[in-house]
Amino acid sequence: MPCERFIAAMVVHMRVSTLLAAARLPYDNVFILGRFVAAISAAVVQACGLSNQFLGDGVLAIFCLQCDARIACRQADMAG
């Protein structure tokens, strides 16, 4: 039987990515985006979160699958 669970969700999006992409070669854009996603994902994991989805130039992370709401919010704040 399904149960409700509290999570904290955090979306991180690269600002001005369209302008950044317009001024560079596609290979450079992929390299920069890869470094961005890797850095965000590392911060999320270090704060005990889970990078759930990668959406273009953004990352959706979830926190606190096994703890209460206050801890989830603190974890998301630490990652951000």
PDB file of N, CA and C in Angstrom:
ATOM      1  N   MET A   1       0.847  -1.179   0.000  1.00  0.00           N
ATOM      2  CA  MET A   1       0.000   0.000   0.000  1.00  0.00           C
ATOM      3  C   MET A   1       0.892   1.242   0.000  1.00  0.00           C
ATOM      4  N   PRO A   2       0.645   2.198  -0.910  1.00  0.00           N
ATOM      5  CA  PRO A   2       1.476   3.398  -0.983  1.00  0.00           C
ATOM      6  C   PRO A   2       1.324   4.270   0.261  1.00  0.00           C
ATOM      7  N   CYS A   3       2.400   4.929   0.609  1.00  0.00           N
ATOM      8  CA  CYS A   3       2.356   5.851   1.748  1.00  0.00           C
ATOM      9  C   CYS A   3       2.934   7.191   1.301  1.00  0.00           C
ATOM     10  N   GLU A   4       2.533   8.236   1.994  1.00  0.00           N
ATOM     11  CA  GLU A   4       3.071   9.557   1.689  1.00  0.00           C
ATOM     12  C   GLU A   4       4.402   9.731   2.383  1.00  0.00           C
ATOM     13  N   ARG A   5       5.289  10.469   1.718  1.00  0.00           N
ATOM     14  CA  ARG A   5       6.614  10.712   2.278  1.00  0.00           C
ATOM     15  C   ARG A   5       7.017  12.138   1.951  1.00  0.00           C
ATOM     16  N   PHE A   6       7.617  12.829   2.904  1.00  0.00           N
ATOM     17  CA  PHE A   6       8.100  14.176   2.693  1.00  0.00           C
ATOM     18  C   PHE A   6       9.477  14.118   2.048  1.00  0.00           C
ATOM     19  N   ILE A   7       9.694  14.958   1.036  1.00  0.00           N
ATOM     20  CA  ILE A   7      11.024  15.141   0.459  1.00  0.00           C
ATOM     21  C   ILE A   7      11.240  16.633   0.241  1.00  0.00           C
ATOM     22  N   ALA A   8      12.466  17.011   0.136  1.00  0.00           N
ATOM     23  CA  ALA A   8      12.816  18.366  -0.300  1.00  0.00           C
ATOM     24  C   ALA A   8      13.391  18.225  -1.699  1.00  0.00           C
ATOM     25  N   ALA A   9      12.880  19.012  -2.613  1.00  0.00           N
ATOM     26  CA  ALA A   9      13.363  18.972  -3.996  1.00  0.00           C
ATOM     27  C   ALA A   9      14.105  20.265  -4.302  1.00  0.00           C
ATOM     28  N   MET A  10      15.183  20.154  -5.045  1.00  0.00           N
ATOM     29  CA  MET A  10      15.975  21.318  -5.417  1.00  0.00           C
ATOM     30  C   MET A  10      16.263  21.242  -6.917  1.00  0.00           C
ATOM     31  N   VAL A  11      16.001  22.336  -7.615  1.00  0.00           N
ATOM     32  CA  VAL A  11      16.311  22.428  -9.035  1.00  0.00           C
ATOM     33  C   VAL A  11      17.406  23.469  -9.207  1.00  0.00           C
ATOM     34  N   VAL A  12      18.477  23.069  -9.855  1.00  0.00           N
ATOM     35  CA  VAL A  12      19.592  23.981 -10.125  1.00  0.00           C
ATOM     36  C   VAL A  12      19.689  24.136 -11.634  1.00  0.00           C
ATOM     37  N   HIS A  13      19.708  25.366 -12.074  1.00  0.00           N
ATOM     38  CA  HIS A  13      19.701  25.667 -13.510  1.00  0.00           C
ATOM     39  C   HIS A  13      20.857  26.612 -13.808  1.00  0.00           C
ATOM     40  N   MET A  14      21.568  26.376 -14.897  1.00  0.00           N
ATOM     41  CA  MET A  14      22.673  27.242 -15.289  1.00  0.00           C
ATOM     42  C   MET A  14      22.121  28.543 -15.882  1.00  0.00           C
ATOM     43  N   ARG A  15      22.476  29.652 -15.262  1.00  0.00           N
ATOM     44  CA  ARG A  15      22.011  30.944 -15.765  1.00  0.00           C
ATOM     45  C   ARG A  15      22.714  31.303 -17.066  1.00  0.00           C
ATOM     46  N   VAL A  16      22.033  32.032 -17.889  1.00  0.00           N
ATOM     47  CA  VAL A  16      22.488  32.529 -19.193  1.00  0.00           C
ATOM     48  C   VAL A  16      23.152  31.449 -20.053  1.00  0.00           C
ATOM     49  N   SER A  17      22.660  30.227 -19.957  1.00  0.00           N
ATOM     50  CA  SER A  17      23.266  29.139 -20.721  1.00  0.00           C
ATOM     51  C   SER A  17      23.060  29.317 -22.227  1.00  0.00           C
ATOM     52  N   THR A  18      21.976  29.943 -22.621  1.00  0.00           N
ATOM     53  CA  THR A  18      21.736  30.164 -24.047  1.00  0.00           C
ATOM     54  C   THR A  18      22.775  31.123 -24.622  1.00  0.00           C
ATOM     55  N   LEU A  19      23.060  32.195 -23.894  1.00  0.00           N
ATOM     56  CA  LEU A  19      24.089  33.137 -24.343  1.00  0.00           C
ATOM     57  C   LEU A  19      25.468  32.477 -24.346  1.00  0.00           C
ATOM     58  N   LEU A  20      25.720  31.672 -23.340  1.00  0.00           N
ATOM     59  CA  LEU A  20      26.985  30.951 -23.257  1.00  0.00           C
ATOM     60  C   LEU A  20      27.144  30.012 -24.450  1.00  0.00           C
ATOM     61  N   ALA A  21      26.075  29.292 -24.786  1.00  0.00           N
ATOM     62  CA  ALA A  21      26.126  28.333 -25.893  1.00  0.00           C
ATOM     63  C   ALA A  21      26.284  29.023 -27.239  1.00  0.00           C
ATOM     64  N   ALA A  22      25.682  30.183 -27.395  1.00  0.00           N
ATOM     65  CA  ALA A  22      25.746  30.882 -28.684  1.00  0.00           C
ATOM     66  C   ALA A  22      27.158  31.369 -29.006  1.00  0.00           C
ATOM     67  N   ALA A  23      27.968  31.546 -27.981  1.00  0.00           N
ATOM     68  CA  ALA A  23      29.297  32.110 -28.179  1.00  0.00           C
ATOM     69  C   ALA A  23      30.399  31.052 -28.257  1.00  0.00           C
ATOM     70  N   ARG A  24      30.019  29.757 -28.207  1.00  0.00           N
ATOM     71  CA  ARG A  24      31.038  28.708 -28.184  1.00  0.00           C
ATOM     72  C   ARG A  24      30.718  27.597 -29.187  1.00  0.00           C
ATOM     73  N   LEU A  25      31.705  26.781 -29.436  1.00  0.00           N
ATOM     74  CA  LEU A  25      31.523  25.603 -30.283  1.00  0.00           C
ATOM     75  C   LEU A  25      30.727  24.534 -29.522  1.00  0.00           C
ATOM     76  N   PRO A  26      29.998  23.676 -30.233  1.00  0.00           N
ATOM     77  CA  PRO A  26      29.213  22.637 -29.554  1.00  0.00           C
ATOM     78  C   PRO A  26      30.044  21.760 -28.609  1.00  0.00           C
ATOM     79  N   TYR A  27      31.243  21.384 -29.016  1.00  0.00           N
ATOM     80  CA  TYR A  27      32.092  20.565 -28.144  1.00  0.00           C
ATOM     81  C   TYR A  27      32.378  21.289 -26.835  1.00  0.00           C
ATOM     82  N   ASP A  28      32.672  22.572 -26.903  1.00  0.00           N
ATOM     83  CA  ASP A  28      32.945  23.350 -25.695  1.00  0.00           C
ATOM     84  C   ASP A  28      31.717  23.424 -24.799  1.00  0.00           C
ATOM     85  N   ASN A  29      30.531  23.558 -25.417  1.00  0.00           N
ATOM     86  CA  ASN A  29      29.297  23.603 -24.637  1.00  0.00           C
ATOM     87  C   ASN A  29      29.068  22.300 -23.880  1.00  0.00           C
ATOM     88  N   VAL A  30      29.299  21.185 -24.546  1.00  0.00           N
ATOM     89  CA  VAL A  30      29.119  19.884 -23.894  1.00  0.00           C
ATOM     90  C   VAL A  30      30.104  19.730 -22.738  1.00  0.00           C
ATOM     91  N   PHE A  31      31.337  20.163 -22.943  1.00  0.00           N
ATOM     92  CA  PHE A  31      32.354  20.095 -21.886  1.00  0.00           C
ATOM     93  C   PHE A  31      31.948  20.935 -20.676  1.00  0.00           C
ATOM     94  N   ILE A  32      31.522  22.174 -20.912  1.00  0.00           N
ATOM     95  CA  ILE A  32      31.120  23.072 -19.822  1.00  0.00           C
ATOM     96  C   ILE A  32      29.905  22.509 -19.087  1.00  0.00           C
ATOM     97  N   LEU A  33      28.924  22.026 -19.842  1.00  0.00           N
ATOM     98  CA  LEU A  33      27.731  21.459 -19.229  1.00  0.00           C
ATOM     99  C   LEU A  33      28.065  20.219 -18.403  1.00  0.00           C
ATOM    100  N   GLY A  34      28.956  19.395 -18.902  1.00  0.00           N
ATOM    101  CA  GLY A  34      29.379  18.211 -18.153  1.00  0.00           C
ATOM    102  C   GLY A  34      30.046  18.570 -16.841  1.00  0.00           C
ATOM    103  N   ARG A  35      30.892  19.591 -16.862  1.00  0.00           N
ATOM    104  CA  ARG A  35      31.549  20.038 -15.621  1.00  0.00           C
ATOM    105  C   ARG A  35      30.535  20.613 -14.638  1.00  0.00           C
ATOM    106  N   PHE A  36      29.561  21.377 -15.148  1.00  0.00           N
ATOM    107  CA  PHE A  36      28.515  21.957 -14.312  1.00  0.00           C
ATOM    108  C   PHE A  36      27.703  20.857 -13.628  1.00  0.00           C
ATOM    109  N   VAL A  37      27.239  19.890 -14.401  1.00  0.00           N
ATOM    110  CA  VAL A  37      26.434  18.800 -13.855  1.00  0.00           C
ATOM    111  C   VAL A  37      27.245  17.982 -12.850  1.00  0.00           C
ATOM    112  N   ALA A  38      28.505  17.735 -13.129  1.00  0.00           N
ATOM    113  CA  ALA A  38      29.356  16.978 -12.212  1.00  0.00           C
ATOM    114  C   ALA A  38      29.535  17.717 -10.892  1.00  0.00           C
ATOM    115  N   ALA A  39      29.742  19.023 -10.943  1.00  0.00           N
ATOM    116  CA  ALA A  39      29.922  19.807  -9.716  1.00  0.00           C
ATOM    117  C   ALA A  39      28.647  19.833  -8.884  1.00  0.00           C
ATOM    118  N   ILE A  40      27.503  20.035  -9.533  1.00  0.00           N
ATOM    119  CA  ILE A  40      26.230  20.055  -8.808  1.00  0.00           C
ATOM    120  C   ILE A  40      25.953  18.682  -8.203  1.00  0.00           C
ATOM    121  N   SER A  41      26.147  17.635  -8.985  1.00  0.00           N
ATOM    122  CA  SER A  41      25.892  16.282  -8.488  1.00  0.00           C
ATOM    123  C   SER A  41      26.790  15.932  -7.305  1.00  0.00           C
ATOM    124  N   ALA A  42      28.038  16.345  -7.352  1.00  0.00           N
ATOM    125  CA  ALA A  42      28.950  16.082  -6.232  1.00  0.00           C
ATOM    126  C   ALA A  42      28.488  16.797  -4.966  1.00  0.00           C
ATOM    127  N   ALA A  43      28.026  18.037  -5.101  1.00  0.00           N
ATOM    128  CA  ALA A  43      27.522  18.774  -3.936  1.00  0.00           C
ATOM    129  C   ALA A  43      26.264  18.125  -3.376  1.00  0.00           C
ATOM    130  N   VAL A  44      25.404  17.633  -4.250  1.00  0.00           N
ATOM    131  CA  VAL A  44      24.172  16.968  -3.811  1.00  0.00           C
ATOM    132  C   VAL A  44      24.505  15.689  -3.045  1.00  0.00           C
ATOM    133  N   VAL A  45      25.393  14.880  -3.576  1.00  0.00           N
ATOM    134  CA  VAL A  45      25.772  13.629  -2.917  1.00  0.00           C
ATOM    135  C   VAL A  45      26.447  13.909  -1.584  1.00  0.00           C
ATOM    136  N   GLN A  46      27.302  14.924  -1.534  1.00  0.00           N
ATOM    137  CA  GLN A  46      27.983  15.269  -0.289  1.00  0.00           C
ATOM    138  C   GLN A  46      26.985  15.694   0.793  1.00  0.00           C
ATOM    139  N   ALA A  47      25.864  16.274   0.383  1.00  0.00           N
ATOM    140  CA  ALA A  47      24.834  16.702   1.332  1.00  0.00           C
ATOM    141  C   ALA A  47      23.792  15.607   1.560  1.00  0.00           C
ATOM    142  N   CYS A  48      24.087  14.382   1.164  1.00  0.00           N
ATOM    143  CA  CYS A  48      23.212  13.217   1.357  1.00  0.00           C
ATOM    144  C   CYS A  48      21.949  13.265   0.513  1.00  0.00           C
ATOM    145  N   GLY A  49      22.037  13.860  -0.666  1.00  0.00           N
ATOM    146  CA  GLY A  49      20.906  13.902  -1.575  1.00  0.00           C
ATOM    147  C   GLY A  49      21.116  12.972  -2.753  1.00  0.00           C
ATOM    148  N   LEU A  50      20.165  13.015  -3.673  1.00  0.00           N
ATOM    149  CA  LEU A  50      20.201  12.168  -4.852  1.00  0.00           C
ATOM    150  C   LEU A  50      19.875  13.017  -6.072  1.00  0.00           C
ATOM    151  N   SER A  51      20.797  13.056  -7.024  1.00  0.00           N
ATOM    152  CA  SER A  51      20.506  13.732  -8.292  1.00  0.00           C
ATOM    153  C   SER A  51      19.530  12.845  -9.052  1.00  0.00           C
ATOM    154  N   ASN A  52      18.311  13.324  -9.201  1.00  0.00           N
ATOM    155  CA  ASN A  52      17.238  12.487  -9.721  1.00  0.00           C
ATOM    156  C   ASN A  52      17.071  12.600 -11.231  1.00  0.00           C
ATOM    157  N   GLN A  53      17.163  13.821 -11.764  1.00  0.00           N
ATOM    158  CA  GLN A  53      16.996  14.021 -13.200  1.00  0.00           C
ATOM    159  C   GLN A  53      17.954  15.099 -13.682  1.00  0.00           C
ATOM    160  N   PHE A  54      18.379  14.943 -14.913  1.00  0.00           N
ATOM    161  CA  PHE A  54      19.208  15.942 -15.568  1.00  0.00           C
ATOM    162  C   PHE A  54      18.390  16.476 -16.734  1.00  0.00           C
ATOM    163  N   LEU A  55      18.070  17.752 -16.686  1.00  0.00           N
ATOM    164  CA  LEU A  55      17.145  18.358 -17.649  1.00  0.00           C
ATOM    165  C   LEU A  55      17.872  19.431 -18.438  1.00  0.00           C
ATOM    166  N   GLY A  56      18.520  19.057 -19.519  1.00  0.00           N
ATOM    167  CA  GLY A  56      19.252  20.035 -20.318  1.00  0.00           C
ATOM    168  C   GLY A  56      20.381  20.639 -19.508  1.00  0.00           C
ATOM    169  N   ASP A  57      20.230  21.904 -19.129  1.00  0.00           N
ATOM    170  CA  ASP A  57      21.259  22.570 -18.323  1.00  0.00           C
ATOM    171  C   ASP A  57      20.817  22.693 -16.864  1.00  0.00           C
ATOM    172  N   GLY A  58      20.021  21.754 -16.404  1.00  0.00           N
ATOM    173  CA  GLY A  58      19.550  21.774 -15.021  1.00  0.00           C
ATOM    174  C   GLY A  58      19.611  20.404 -14.381  1.00  0.00           C
ATOM    175  N   VAL A  59      19.574  20.409 -13.059  1.00  0.00           N
ATOM    176  CA  VAL A  59      19.604  19.180 -12.274  1.00  0.00           C
ATOM    177  C   VAL A  59      18.468  19.244 -11.262  1.00  0.00           C
ATOM    178  N   LEU A  60      17.695  18.163 -11.161  1.00  0.00           N
ATOM    179  CA  LEU A  60      16.680  18.021 -10.129  1.00  0.00           C
ATOM    180  C   LEU A  60      17.235  17.075  -9.087  1.00  0.00           C
ATOM    181  N   ALA A  61      17.324  17.537  -7.853  1.00  0.00           N
ATOM    182  CA  ALA A  61      17.846  16.722  -6.762  1.00  0.00           C
ATOM    183  C   ALA A  61      16.767  16.553  -5.701  1.00  0.00           C
ATOM    184  N   ILE A  62      16.763  15.397  -5.065  1.00  0.00           N
ATOM    185  CA  ILE A  62      15.837  15.158  -3.966  1.00  0.00           C
ATOM    186  C   ILE A  62      16.628  14.824  -2.712  1.00  0.00           C
ATOM    187  N   PHE A  63      16.053  15.199  -1.593  1.00  0.00           N
ATOM    188  CA  PHE A  63      16.711  15.015  -0.310  1.00  0.00           C
ATOM    189  C   PHE A  63      15.749  14.367   0.673  1.00  0.00           C
ATOM    190  N   CYS A  64      16.318  13.609   1.567  1.00  0.00           N
ATOM    191  CA  CYS A  64      15.651  13.081   2.738  1.00  0.00           C
ATOM    192  C   CYS A  64      14.602  12.032   2.432  1.00  0.00           C
ATOM    193  N   LEU A  65      15.036  10.971   1.847  1.00  0.00           N
ATOM    194  CA  LEU A  65      14.121   9.858   1.641  1.00  0.00           C
ATOM    195  C   LEU A  65      13.902   9.073   2.928  1.00  0.00           C
ATOM    196  N   GLN A  66      14.786   9.254   3.903  1.00  0.00           N
ATOM    197  CA  GLN A  66      14.700   8.471   5.141  1.00  0.00           C
ATOM    198  C   GLN A  66      14.728   9.334   6.398  1.00  0.00           C
ATOM    199  N   CYS A  67      14.419  10.625   6.326  1.00  0.00           N
ATOM    200  CA  CYS A  67      14.494  11.475   7.511  1.00  0.00           C
ATOM    201  C   CYS A  67      13.352  12.486   7.530  1.00  0.00           C
ATOM    202  N   ASP A  68      13.352  13.366   8.522  1.00  0.00           N
ATOM    203  CA  ASP A  68      12.233  14.310   8.651  1.00  0.00           C
ATOM    204  C   ASP A  68      12.461  15.580   7.827  1.00  0.00           C
ATOM    205  N   ALA A  69      11.445  16.428   7.803  1.00  0.00           N
ATOM    206  CA  ALA A  69      11.425  17.610   6.931  1.00  0.00           C
ATOM    207  C   ALA A  69      12.544  18.597   7.251  1.00  0.00           C
ATOM    208  N   ARG A  70      12.830  18.828   8.517  1.00  0.00           N
ATOM    209  CA  ARG A  70      13.886  19.798   8.862  1.00  0.00           C
ATOM    210  C   ARG A  70      15.239  19.364   8.329  1.00  0.00           C
ATOM    211  N   ILE A  71      15.539  18.098   8.461  1.00  0.00           N
ATOM    212  CA  ILE A  71      16.824  17.591   7.972  1.00  0.00           C
ATOM    213  C   ILE A  71      16.879  17.677   6.449  1.00  0.00           C
ATOM    214  N   ALA A  72      15.786  17.361   5.783  1.00  0.00           N
ATOM    215  CA  ALA A  72      15.738  17.435   4.313  1.00  0.00           C
ATOM    216  C   ALA A  72      16.032  18.846   3.836  1.00  0.00           C
ATOM    217  N   CYS A  73      15.425  19.822   4.473  1.00  0.00           N
ATOM    218  CA  CYS A  73      15.653  21.216   4.079  1.00  0.00           C
ATOM    219  C   CYS A  73      17.090  21.640   4.348  1.00  0.00           C
ATOM    220  N   ARG A  74      17.659  21.195   5.452  1.00  0.00           N
ATOM    221  CA  ARG A  74      19.064  21.510   5.745  1.00  0.00           C
ATOM    222  C   ARG A  74      19.992  20.877   4.714  1.00  0.00           C
ATOM    223  N   GLN A  75      19.704  19.656   4.332  1.00  0.00           N
ATOM    224  CA  GLN A  75      20.525  18.986   3.332  1.00  0.00           C
ATOM    225  C   GLN A  75      20.472  19.724   1.998  1.00  0.00           C
ATOM    226  N   ALA A  76      19.293  20.136   1.572  1.00  0.00           N
ATOM    227  CA  ALA A  76      19.155  20.874   0.313  1.00  0.00           C
ATOM    228  C   ALA A  76      19.877  22.202   0.394  1.00  0.00           C
ATOM    229  N   ASP A  77      19.795  22.866   1.536  1.00  0.00           N
ATOM    230  CA  ASP A  77      20.487  24.150   1.724  1.00  0.00           C
ATOM    231  C   ASP A  77      22.001  23.949   1.669  1.00  0.00           C
ATOM    232  N   MET A  78      22.508  22.895   2.270  1.00  0.00           N
ATOM    233  CA  MET A  78      23.939  22.624   2.242  1.00  0.00           C
ATOM    234  C   MET A  78      24.418  22.358   0.812  1.00  0.00           C
ATOM    235  N   ALA A  79      23.614  21.684   0.018  1.00  0.00           N
ATOM    236  CA  ALA A  79      24.011  21.369  -1.357  1.00  0.00           C
ATOM    237  C   ALA A  79      23.984  22.606  -2.244  1.00  0.00           C
ATOM    238  N   GLY A  80      23.071  23.524  -1.961  1.00  0.00           N
ATOM    239  CA  GLY A  80      22.913  24.703  -2.808  1.00  0.00           C
ATOM    240  C   GLY A  80      23.947  25.708  -2.505  1.00  0.00           C
TER     241      GLY A  80
END
